[in-house]
Amino acid sequence: MDASQKNYIHSSMIGFRWLVPVFFILLLNIGVVFSQFDGEIESFEFIYRQDFSGEPDDWNLMPEEGSWGSVDYSFTDETYRWDMNLKKDVLNYQSPDPVIYLPEDGYRIGVETYFEDACDNCAIGLLYNLQDNSNFYYVRLYGDGYFQVYAKEDDEWEALSEAVQSEYFIPSESNRITVINDGDNFEIQLNDYPVFNFTDSRFHGGTFGLAAEAPKGTQLAVRFDNIDVMKKGSTQVVDLEEETVTETEESALEEETVAETEEPEWENESPYRVNKVTAPMNDFYPPAEKWVTTDYTLDISVPITFWKEGRGNLFCPKESNEKACVFIIQHFDRWGSPSEAADDILGKYAEQVEDFEIFDEEETFTKDGFYAYQVGTYFTIDGKSYEGSHLFVQVQNVFFQIMSYGTRGTIDKYREDLKQITESFSFEYF
């Protein structure tokens, strides 16, 4: 293959750019994204993240030009921007350098995409399980909100889905594309809502690339941001009828250390299954059929116990014997703000407990900059006095409640641990 063939390979459908390889970034803390579905809690551990702050050196900035047109690359407003001026129909893609390979046994990859210019016939997306220029999967999002998945095998294209206009597409705003892989099974999400599921066995592992596609005569600017690549971690299977939790595979969290940071200790057995402190939260605003549970991240360095509690997850410092914990649950309703959600939910909670009192409340933000509302409370259950801190977080139309609590006699001892768990909460680029 000569140099011109290496850079641009044209077919009757579109043209391709050969991949420029990825920079591997280790996290200094343990980052785990929890995903809940069908009675399972599945975790994904970060292996690469890029938010394009500080002008990183792992993505191409050299302009490219040929008979097909030209593309200029830049880091603009902490995003990766492509300015495309095309004379032919072209699919252009870039991968980071050096190459990062997707785990063959399961992964999750997501990127925020943005059309700076309106173009209904233009598309932006991801190449994944990329083996070479002629073999990969491609998910593309059109400028009018239509979504479609393809496979290219030995230069032959096959549509794996129909073109569907997603109701979760946000015009003139950033839209996040996510691919979740488990063996031969794939789930494609737009803004964290499932759009397609398919099974295909032709490609495993490989690398990935950012992609943009436009017809000849197009001048188009697109942007990419907040790339996350995660490997599959451990899966806990929850028997919702018996309310027991068992490990189905050995947890990577118990074996791996990252950048000399000690792993947290995870235990998945609870001495009891009815938690009177958190149980009422499960009865407020259960999800309608169209809602899905949204993923979040915690960076936890303290030894904890962890299990599913109703629709939420409970994280307790191990030594507290579950007298001090953090409960995280997503609520499903439409409030105008975190404070409005707090008033509504805590008003209902006050009816379920005794001596409910609010001693502090304030507007705040998460570490990722999402709008939040903090409420400190006192309450009594079965004659025991508790102190609780409720952080209500809004991410677009998604509302999380992060409730830390403890008995009045023990909470001071574990206050810093609870604070560390709560403040580590992160929603990964909605």
Protein backbone atom coordinates (compact mmCIF):
# COMPACT_ATOMS: atom_id res chain seq x y z
CA MET A 1 0.00 0.00 0.00
CA ASP A 2 1.50 3.36 -0.99
CA ALA A 3 1.14 6.55 1.02
CA SER A 4 -1.90 7.85 -0.81
CA GLN A 5 -3.71 4.54 -0.36
CA LYS A 6 -2.81 4.50 3.31
CA ASN A 7 -4.40 7.86 4.01
CA TYR A 8 -7.54 7.70 1.91
CA ILE A 9 -9.20 4.58 0.63
CA HIS A 10 -12.18 5.31 -1.56
CA SER A 11 -15.10 3.10 -2.46
CA SER A 12 -18.30 3.71 -4.37
CA MET A 13 -19.96 4.58 -1.08
CA ILE A 14 -17.54 6.72 0.91
CA GLY A 15 -13.89 7.39 1.56
CA PHE A 16 -11.90 6.48 4.61
CA ARG A 17 -8.94 7.81 6.45
CA TRP A 18 -6.49 5.32 7.87
CA LEU A 19 -6.39 5.37 11.62
CA VAL A 20 -4.07 7.55 13.62
CA PRO A 21 -3.42 5.57 16.80
CA VAL A 22 -4.33 6.34 21.26
CA PHE A 23 -2.73 7.62 24.39
CA PHE A 24 -3.32 5.39 27.37
CA ILE A 25 -4.39 7.19 30.54
CA LEU A 26 -4.49 5.48 33.95
CA LEU A 27 -6.84 6.79 36.58
CA LEU A 28 -5.31 7.62 39.91
CA ASN A 29 -8.44 6.39 41.69
CA ILE A 30 -10.71 3.45 41.19
CA GLY A 31 -13.49 4.49 38.83
CA VAL A 32 -16.47 2.17 38.43
CA VAL A 33 -19.62 2.79 36.42
CA PHE A 34 -22.58 0.78 37.71
CA SER A 35 -25.27 -0.29 35.28
CA GLN A 36 -28.50 -1.92 36.52
CA PHE A 37 -30.78 -4.01 34.32
CA ASP A 38 -32.74 -7.26 34.43
CA GLY A 39 -31.67 -8.08 37.96
CA GLU A 40 -27.97 -7.51 37.34
CA ILE A 41 -25.47 -4.97 38.55
CA GLU A 42 -22.61 -4.73 36.07
CA SER A 43 -19.54 -2.58 36.47
CA PHE A 44 -17.16 -1.07 33.94
CA GLU A 45 -13.67 0.14 34.84
CA PHE A 46 -12.03 3.04 33.04
CA ILE A 47 -9.02 2.38 30.81
CA TYR A 48 -9.03 5.61 28.82
CA ARG A 49 -10.58 9.06 29.20
CA GLN A 50 -10.10 12.22 27.17
CA ASP A 51 -11.87 15.55 27.65
CA PHE A 52 -9.53 17.55 25.37
CA SER A 53 -8.53 19.97 28.08
CA GLY A 54 -4.97 21.18 27.96
CA GLU A 55 -4.49 20.39 24.26
CA PRO A 56 -3.59 16.69 24.55
CA ASP A 57 -0.97 15.19 22.25
CA ASP A 58 -2.72 11.90 21.43
CA TRP A 59 -5.00 13.20 18.65
CA ASN A 60 -4.02 14.41 15.18
CA LEU A 61 -3.87 18.16 14.49
CA MET A 62 -2.15 18.02 11.09
CA PRO A 63 -4.44 19.37 8.34
CA GLU A 64 -5.23 16.97 5.50
CA GLU A 65 -5.96 17.77 1.88
CA GLY A 66 -6.47 15.87 -1.36
CA SER A 67 -8.68 15.56 -4.41
CA TRP A 68 -11.51 14.64 -2.06
CA GLY A 69 -11.27 18.01 -0.20
CA SER A 70 -9.68 19.05 3.09
CA VAL A 71 -10.03 18.73 6.86
CA ASP A 72 -8.53 21.04 9.48
CA TYR A 73 -8.25 19.81 13.07
CA SER A 74 -8.06 21.90 16.22
CA PHE A 75 -8.69 21.90 19.95
CA THR A 76 -11.38 24.54 20.38
CA ASP A 77 -13.08 25.34 23.69
CA GLU A 78 -11.76 22.04 25.10
CA THR A 79 -13.29 20.01 22.28
CA TYR A 80 -11.80 18.24 19.25
CA ARG A 81 -13.04 20.20 16.23
CA TRP A 82 -12.99 19.15 12.55
CA ASP A 83 -13.56 21.72 9.79
CA MET A 84 -14.44 19.76 6.65
CA ASN A 85 -14.54 21.15 3.10
CA LEU A 86 -15.41 18.26 0.79
CA LYS A 87 -15.27 17.81 -2.99
CA LYS A 88 -16.36 14.14 -2.81
CA ASP A 89 -18.56 11.99 -0.58
CA VAL A 90 -16.24 11.15 2.30
CA LEU A 91 -16.24 9.30 5.60
CA ASN A 92 -13.30 10.60 7.61
CA TYR A 93 -12.09 9.04 10.84
CA GLN A 94 -9.36 9.52 13.41
CA SER A 95 -8.06 7.32 16.21
CA PRO A 96 -5.70 8.34 18.99
CA ASP A 97 -1.98 7.62 19.04
CA PRO A 98 -0.74 5.23 20.40
CA VAL A 99 -3.54 2.73 19.74
CA ILE A 100 -5.80 1.52 22.52
CA TYR A 101 -7.44 -1.83 21.91
CA LEU A 102 -10.97 -2.64 22.99
CA PRO A 103 -11.23 -5.65 25.34
CA GLU A 104 -12.58 -8.72 23.55
CA ASP A 105 -14.67 -9.91 26.50
CA GLY A 106 -16.63 -6.72 26.99
CA TYR A 107 -16.35 -2.95 27.02
CA ARG A 108 -18.21 0.33 27.04
CA ILE A 109 -17.21 3.30 24.88
CA GLY A 110 -18.90 6.67 24.66
CA VAL A 111 -18.30 10.09 23.11
CA GLU A 112 -20.12 13.39 22.97
CA THR A 113 -20.76 14.61 19.43
CA TYR A 114 -21.88 17.98 18.13
CA PHE A 115 -22.82 19.39 14.73
CA GLU A 116 -21.64 22.98 14.61
CA ASP A 117 -23.47 23.42 11.27
CA ALA A 118 -26.91 22.15 10.31
CA CYS A 119 -26.65 19.36 7.74
CA ASP A 120 -29.39 16.71 7.47
CA ASN A 121 -27.34 14.53 5.11
CA CYS A 122 -24.23 14.65 7.29
CA ALA A 123 -23.40 12.14 10.02
CA ILE A 124 -21.14 11.86 13.01
CA GLY A 125 -20.32 8.73 14.95
CA LEU A 126 -18.02 5.95 16.09
CA LEU A 127 -16.09 3.16 14.43
CA TYR A 128 -15.60 0.27 16.85
CA ASN A 129 -14.14 -3.25 16.79
CA LEU A 130 -11.97 -1.67 14.11
CA GLN A 131 -9.66 -4.34 12.63
CA ASP A 132 -8.42 -2.39 9.60
CA ASN A 133 -9.77 -0.08 6.90
CA SER A 134 -12.02 -2.78 5.51
CA ASN A 135 -13.40 -4.44 8.66
CA PHE A 136 -15.29 -2.68 11.47
CA TYR A 137 -18.66 -1.64 12.89
CA TYR A 138 -19.93 1.88 12.39
CA VAL A 139 -22.68 3.69 14.30
CA ARG A 140 -23.66 7.03 12.81
CA LEU A 141 -25.96 9.82 13.90
CA TYR A 142 -27.35 12.11 11.21
CA GLY A 143 -27.87 15.82 11.65
CA ASP A 144 -31.65 15.34 11.68
CA GLY A 145 -31.57 12.79 14.50
CA TYR A 146 -31.67 9.59 12.46
CA PHE A 147 -29.55 6.77 13.85
CA GLN A 148 -28.13 3.69 12.07
CA VAL A 149 -25.57 0.89 12.57
CA TYR A 150 -23.42 -0.77 9.88
CA ALA A 151 -20.84 -3.48 9.55
CA LYS A 152 -18.12 -3.32 6.91
CA GLU A 153 -16.51 -6.68 6.18
CA ASP A 154 -13.89 -7.07 3.44
CA ASP A 155 -15.04 -3.74 1.96
CA GLU A 156 -18.67 -4.90 1.80
CA TRP A 157 -21.26 -2.87 3.71
CA GLU A 158 -24.20 -4.37 5.62
CA ALA A 159 -26.84 -2.39 7.50
CA LEU A 160 -27.40 -3.92 10.95
CA SER A 161 -30.37 -1.68 11.68
CA GLU A 162 -32.86 0.49 9.92
CA ALA A 163 -32.41 4.25 10.02
CA VAL A 164 -34.56 5.34 12.97
CA GLN A 165 -35.12 8.89 14.17
CA SER A 166 -34.47 8.76 17.89
CA GLU A 167 -36.75 10.68 20.24
CA TYR A 168 -33.72 11.19 22.48
CA PHE A 169 -31.80 13.27 19.92
CA ILE A 170 -31.28 16.87 21.05
CA PRO A 171 -31.13 19.29 18.08
CA SER A 172 -28.41 21.95 18.11
CA GLU A 173 -26.85 20.44 21.25
CA SER A 174 -24.30 17.84 22.17
CA ASN A 175 -25.46 14.22 21.86
CA ARG A 176 -23.67 11.29 23.47
CA ILE A 177 -23.21 8.05 21.52
CA THR A 178 -22.44 4.93 23.57
CA VAL A 179 -21.61 1.36 22.53
CA ILE A 180 -21.82 -1.41 25.15
CA ASN A 181 -20.34 -4.79 24.21
CA ASP A 182 -20.66 -8.19 25.89
CA GLY A 183 -19.15 -10.89 23.68
CA ASP A 184 -21.22 -10.98 20.48
CA ASN A 185 -23.94 -8.75 21.95
CA PHE A 186 -24.07 -4.99 21.42
CA GLU A 187 -26.25 -2.21 22.78
CA ILE A 188 -26.20 1.22 21.14
CA GLN A 189 -27.35 4.19 23.21
CA LEU A 190 -28.08 7.82 22.46
CA ASN A 191 -27.90 10.13 25.46
CA ASP A 192 -27.93 7.00 27.66
CA TYR A 193 -31.17 5.67 26.23
CA PRO A 194 -31.01 2.32 24.37
CA VAL A 195 -31.72 2.66 20.65
CA PHE A 196 -30.52 -0.63 19.12
CA ASN A 197 -29.55 -4.10 20.31
CA PHE A 198 -27.96 -6.62 17.99
CA THR A 199 -25.87 -9.77 17.99
CA ASP A 200 -22.98 -10.19 15.57
CA SER A 201 -19.84 -12.33 15.76
CA ARG A 202 -17.68 -11.15 12.89
CA PHE A 203 -15.41 -8.71 14.80
CA HIS A 204 -13.90 -8.86 18.29
CA GLY A 205 -11.54 -6.47 19.99
CA GLY A 206 -9.75 -4.10 17.64
CA THR A 207 -9.60 -0.37 18.21
CA PHE A 208 -11.96 2.58 17.72
CA GLY A 209 -12.20 5.84 15.81
CA LEU A 210 -14.16 9.08 15.76
CA ALA A 211 -15.98 9.53 12.47
CA ALA A 212 -17.73 12.23 10.44
CA GLU A 213 -19.40 11.80 7.07
CA ALA A 214 -20.68 14.34 4.56
CA PRO A 215 -21.59 14.57 0.84
CA LYS A 216 -19.56 16.41 -1.78
CA GLY A 217 -19.85 20.17 -1.80
CA THR A 218 -20.30 20.26 2.00
CA GLN A 219 -18.61 22.64 4.38
CA LEU A 220 -19.12 21.28 7.86
CA ALA A 221 -17.71 21.73 11.37
CA VAL A 222 -18.18 18.96 13.94
CA ARG A 223 -16.88 18.50 17.47
CA PHE A 224 -16.06 15.57 19.76
CA ASP A 225 -15.65 15.60 23.51
CA ASN A 226 -15.49 13.46 26.65
CA ILE A 227 -14.37 10.10 25.33
CA ASP A 228 -14.60 7.23 27.82
CA VAL A 229 -13.39 3.70 27.18
CA MET A 230 -14.08 1.12 29.87
CA LYS A 231 -13.47 -2.56 30.27
CA LYS A 232 -16.02 -4.92 31.69
CA GLY A 233 -15.59 -5.43 35.42
CA SER A 234 -17.58 -7.70 37.70
CA THR A 235 -21.22 -8.70 37.51
CA GLN A 236 -23.42 -9.29 40.55
CA VAL A 237 -26.67 -11.18 39.92
CA VAL A 238 -29.56 -10.12 42.11
CA ASP A 239 -32.39 -12.54 42.86
CA LEU A 240 -35.22 -10.09 43.22
CA GLU A 241 -37.56 -12.69 44.73
CA GLU A 242 -35.17 -14.19 47.29
CA GLU A 243 -33.33 -10.88 47.70
CA THR A 244 -29.88 -12.46 47.78
CA VAL A 245 -26.77 -11.37 45.97
CA THR A 246 -24.13 -13.74 44.57
CA GLU A 247 -20.96 -13.14 42.56
CA THR A 248 -20.99 -14.72 39.11
CA GLU A 249 -17.36 -14.09 38.39
CA GLU A 250 -14.32 -13.07 40.39
CA SER A 251 -14.23 -9.34 40.84
CA ALA A 252 -11.41 -7.50 39.17
CA LEU A 253 -11.75 -4.90 41.90
CA GLU A 254 -10.25 -7.34 44.40
CA GLU A 255 -7.17 -8.07 42.30
CA GLU A 256 -6.11 -5.00 40.42
CA THR A 257 -4.26 -1.93 41.66
CA VAL A 258 -4.05 1.28 39.68
CA ALA A 259 -1.13 3.71 39.92
CA GLU A 260 -0.16 2.41 43.37
CA THR A 261 -3.62 3.22 44.76
CA GLU A 262 -4.99 0.50 47.01
CA GLU A 263 -8.23 -1.05 45.85
CA PRO A 264 -11.30 -0.65 48.00
CA GLU A 265 -12.54 -3.82 49.59
CA TRP A 266 -15.94 -4.92 48.31
CA GLU A 267 -18.32 -7.28 50.04
CA ASN A 268 -21.69 -8.12 48.62
CA GLU A 269 -23.54 -9.76 51.49
CA SER A 270 -25.82 -7.81 53.75
CA PRO A 271 -26.88 -9.07 57.21
CA TYR A 272 -30.43 -7.99 56.49
CA ARG A 273 -32.55 -7.20 53.47
CA VAL A 274 -35.08 -4.69 54.71
CA ASN A 275 -33.59 -1.28 55.24
CA LYS A 276 -36.18 0.90 56.95
CA VAL A 277 -34.15 4.06 56.31
CA THR A 278 -34.01 3.72 52.53
CA ALA A 279 -37.04 1.53 51.76
CA PRO A 280 -39.50 4.45 51.45
CA MET A 281 -37.40 5.97 48.65
CA ASN A 282 -38.15 2.98 46.43
CA ASP A 283 -41.85 3.72 46.55
CA PHE A 284 -41.54 7.29 45.28
CA TYR A 285 -41.89 7.79 41.53
CA PRO A 286 -41.15 4.32 40.17
CA PRO A 287 -39.93 4.36 36.55
CA ALA A 288 -42.39 4.32 33.70
CA GLU A 289 -41.67 1.85 30.90
CA LYS A 290 -39.82 4.41 28.76
CA TRP A 291 -37.33 5.27 31.48
CA VAL A 292 -33.98 3.54 31.84
CA THR A 293 -31.58 3.46 34.74
CA THR A 294 -28.68 5.80 34.12
CA ASP A 295 -25.07 5.00 34.95
CA TYR A 296 -22.87 6.85 37.40
CA THR A 297 -19.33 6.63 38.74
CA LEU A 298 -17.88 6.47 42.23
CA ASP A 299 -14.20 6.73 43.18
CA ILE A 300 -14.06 4.84 46.46
CA SER A 301 -10.89 4.31 48.48
CA VAL A 302 -12.40 3.18 51.80
CA PRO A 303 -13.32 -0.48 52.44
CA ILE A 304 -17.06 -0.84 51.94
CA THR A 305 -19.93 -3.26 51.71
CA PHE A 306 -22.13 -2.85 48.66
CA TRP A 307 -25.42 -4.32 47.53
CA LYS A 308 -28.61 -3.52 45.68
CA GLU A 309 -31.37 -2.14 47.86
CA GLY A 310 -34.65 -2.00 45.91
CA ARG A 311 -34.10 0.25 42.90
CA GLY A 312 -30.99 1.81 44.43
CA ASN A 313 -27.51 0.84 45.59
CA LEU A 314 -26.25 0.96 49.16
CA PHE A 315 -22.58 1.64 50.02
CA CYS A 316 -21.50 1.34 53.65
CA PRO A 317 -18.06 1.75 55.26
CA LYS A 318 -17.22 -1.82 56.19
CA GLU A 319 -16.48 -1.14 59.84
CA SER A 320 -19.77 0.70 60.41
CA ASN A 321 -21.78 -2.55 60.40
CA GLU A 322 -24.31 -0.75 58.22
CA LYS A 323 -25.04 1.88 60.84
CA ALA A 324 -23.69 4.53 58.44
CA CYS A 325 -24.26 4.27 54.67
CA VAL A 326 -24.74 6.08 51.37
CA PHE A 327 -27.83 5.22 49.35
CA ILE A 328 -27.99 6.22 45.67
CA ILE A 329 -31.22 6.05 43.72
CA GLN A 330 -32.53 7.58 40.53
CA HIS A 331 -36.01 9.10 40.68
CA PHE A 332 -38.32 9.26 37.69
CA ASP A 333 -40.45 12.35 37.36
CA ARG A 334 -40.23 15.80 35.86
CA TRP A 335 -39.13 18.50 38.25
CA GLY A 336 -37.87 21.91 37.28
CA SER A 337 -34.82 21.84 39.56
CA PRO A 338 -33.03 19.76 42.22
CA SER A 339 -34.59 21.91 44.95
CA GLU A 340 -38.07 21.18 43.59
CA ALA A 341 -37.26 17.44 43.58
CA ALA A 342 -35.92 17.72 47.14
CA ASP A 343 -39.07 19.44 48.41
CA ASP A 344 -41.32 16.84 46.82
CA ILE A 345 -39.38 13.70 47.78
CA LEU A 346 -38.44 14.75 51.31
CA GLY A 347 -42.01 15.91 51.92
CA LYS A 348 -43.16 12.37 51.21
CA TYR A 349 -40.28 10.92 53.25
CA ALA A 350 -41.26 13.04 56.27
CA GLU A 351 -44.62 11.22 56.30
CA GLN A 352 -42.83 7.84 56.60
CA VAL A 353 -40.59 8.64 59.59
CA GLU A 354 -40.88 10.43 62.93
CA ASP A 355 -39.51 13.76 64.16
CA PHE A 356 -38.39 14.82 60.68
CA GLU A 357 -36.45 18.08 60.74
CA ILE A 358 -34.43 20.00 58.14
CA PHE A 359 -31.42 21.68 59.73
CA ASP A 360 -29.55 22.84 56.62
CA GLU A 361 -30.12 23.31 52.89
CA GLU A 362 -28.15 24.96 50.08
CA GLU A 363 -27.66 25.09 46.34
CA THR A 364 -24.42 23.50 45.17
CA PHE A 365 -22.73 21.62 42.30
CA THR A 366 -21.16 18.19 41.84
CA LYS A 367 -17.46 17.88 41.03
CA ASP A 368 -18.45 17.58 37.36
CA GLY A 369 -20.36 20.85 37.52
CA PHE A 370 -23.90 19.48 37.58
CA TYR A 371 -26.51 21.50 39.45
CA ALA A 372 -27.38 20.02 42.85
CA TYR A 373 -29.23 20.76 46.08
CA GLN A 374 -28.02 19.67 49.52
CA VAL A 375 -30.41 19.08 52.45
CA GLY A 376 -29.41 18.08 56.01
CA THR A 377 -32.06 16.28 58.08
CA TYR A 378 -32.78 14.66 61.43
CA PHE A 379 -35.37 11.91 61.79
CA THR A 380 -36.36 8.96 63.95
CA ILE A 381 -37.19 5.36 62.96
CA ASP A 382 -38.21 2.70 65.51
CA GLY A 383 -36.97 4.90 68.35
CA LYS A 384 -33.50 5.40 66.81
CA SER A 385 -32.33 8.92 65.96
CA TYR A 386 -30.64 9.46 62.61
CA GLU A 387 -28.86 12.25 60.82
CA GLY A 388 -29.13 12.33 57.04
CA SER A 389 -27.64 14.38 54.23
CA HIS A 390 -29.45 14.34 50.89
CA LEU A 391 -27.76 15.49 47.69
CA PHE A 392 -30.19 15.88 44.79
CA VAL A 393 -28.41 16.01 41.44
CA GLN A 394 -29.92 17.03 38.12
CA VAL A 395 -28.35 15.90 34.83
CA GLN A 396 -30.60 17.20 32.07
CA ASN A 397 -33.92 15.44 32.87
CA VAL A 398 -32.35 12.86 35.19
CA PHE A 399 -32.54 13.22 38.98
CA PHE A 400 -30.37 11.34 41.47
CA GLN A 401 -30.70 11.28 45.24
CA ILE A 402 -27.47 10.52 47.12
CA MET A 403 -28.51 9.99 50.73
CA SER A 404 -25.85 9.54 53.41
CA TYR A 405 -27.11 8.68 56.85
CA GLY A 406 -26.14 7.22 60.19
CA THR A 407 -27.39 6.86 63.71
CA ARG A 408 -26.68 9.89 65.87
CA GLY A 409 -24.25 7.86 67.95
CA THR A 410 -22.08 6.64 65.06
CA ILE A 411 -22.28 9.12 62.20
CA ASP A 412 -19.51 11.38 63.49
CA LYS A 413 -17.06 8.47 63.33
CA TYR A 414 -17.82 7.78 59.66
CA ARG A 415 -18.70 11.29 58.49
CA GLU A 416 -15.53 11.71 56.42
CA ASP A 417 -15.99 8.30 54.76
CA LEU A 418 -19.57 9.13 53.85
CA LYS A 419 -18.50 12.52 52.55
CA GLN A 420 -15.77 10.92 50.41
CA ILE A 421 -18.26 8.49 48.83
CA THR A 422 -20.85 11.22 48.22
CA GLU A 423 -18.44 13.74 46.75
CA SER A 424 -16.94 11.13 44.40
CA PHE A 425 -20.31 10.75 42.65
CA SER A 426 -19.93 11.50 38.98
CA PHE A 427 -22.22 11.20 36.03
CA GLU A 428 -20.03 10.52 33.05
CA TYR A 429 -20.85 13.12 30.46
CA PHE A 430 -24.57 12.74 29.78
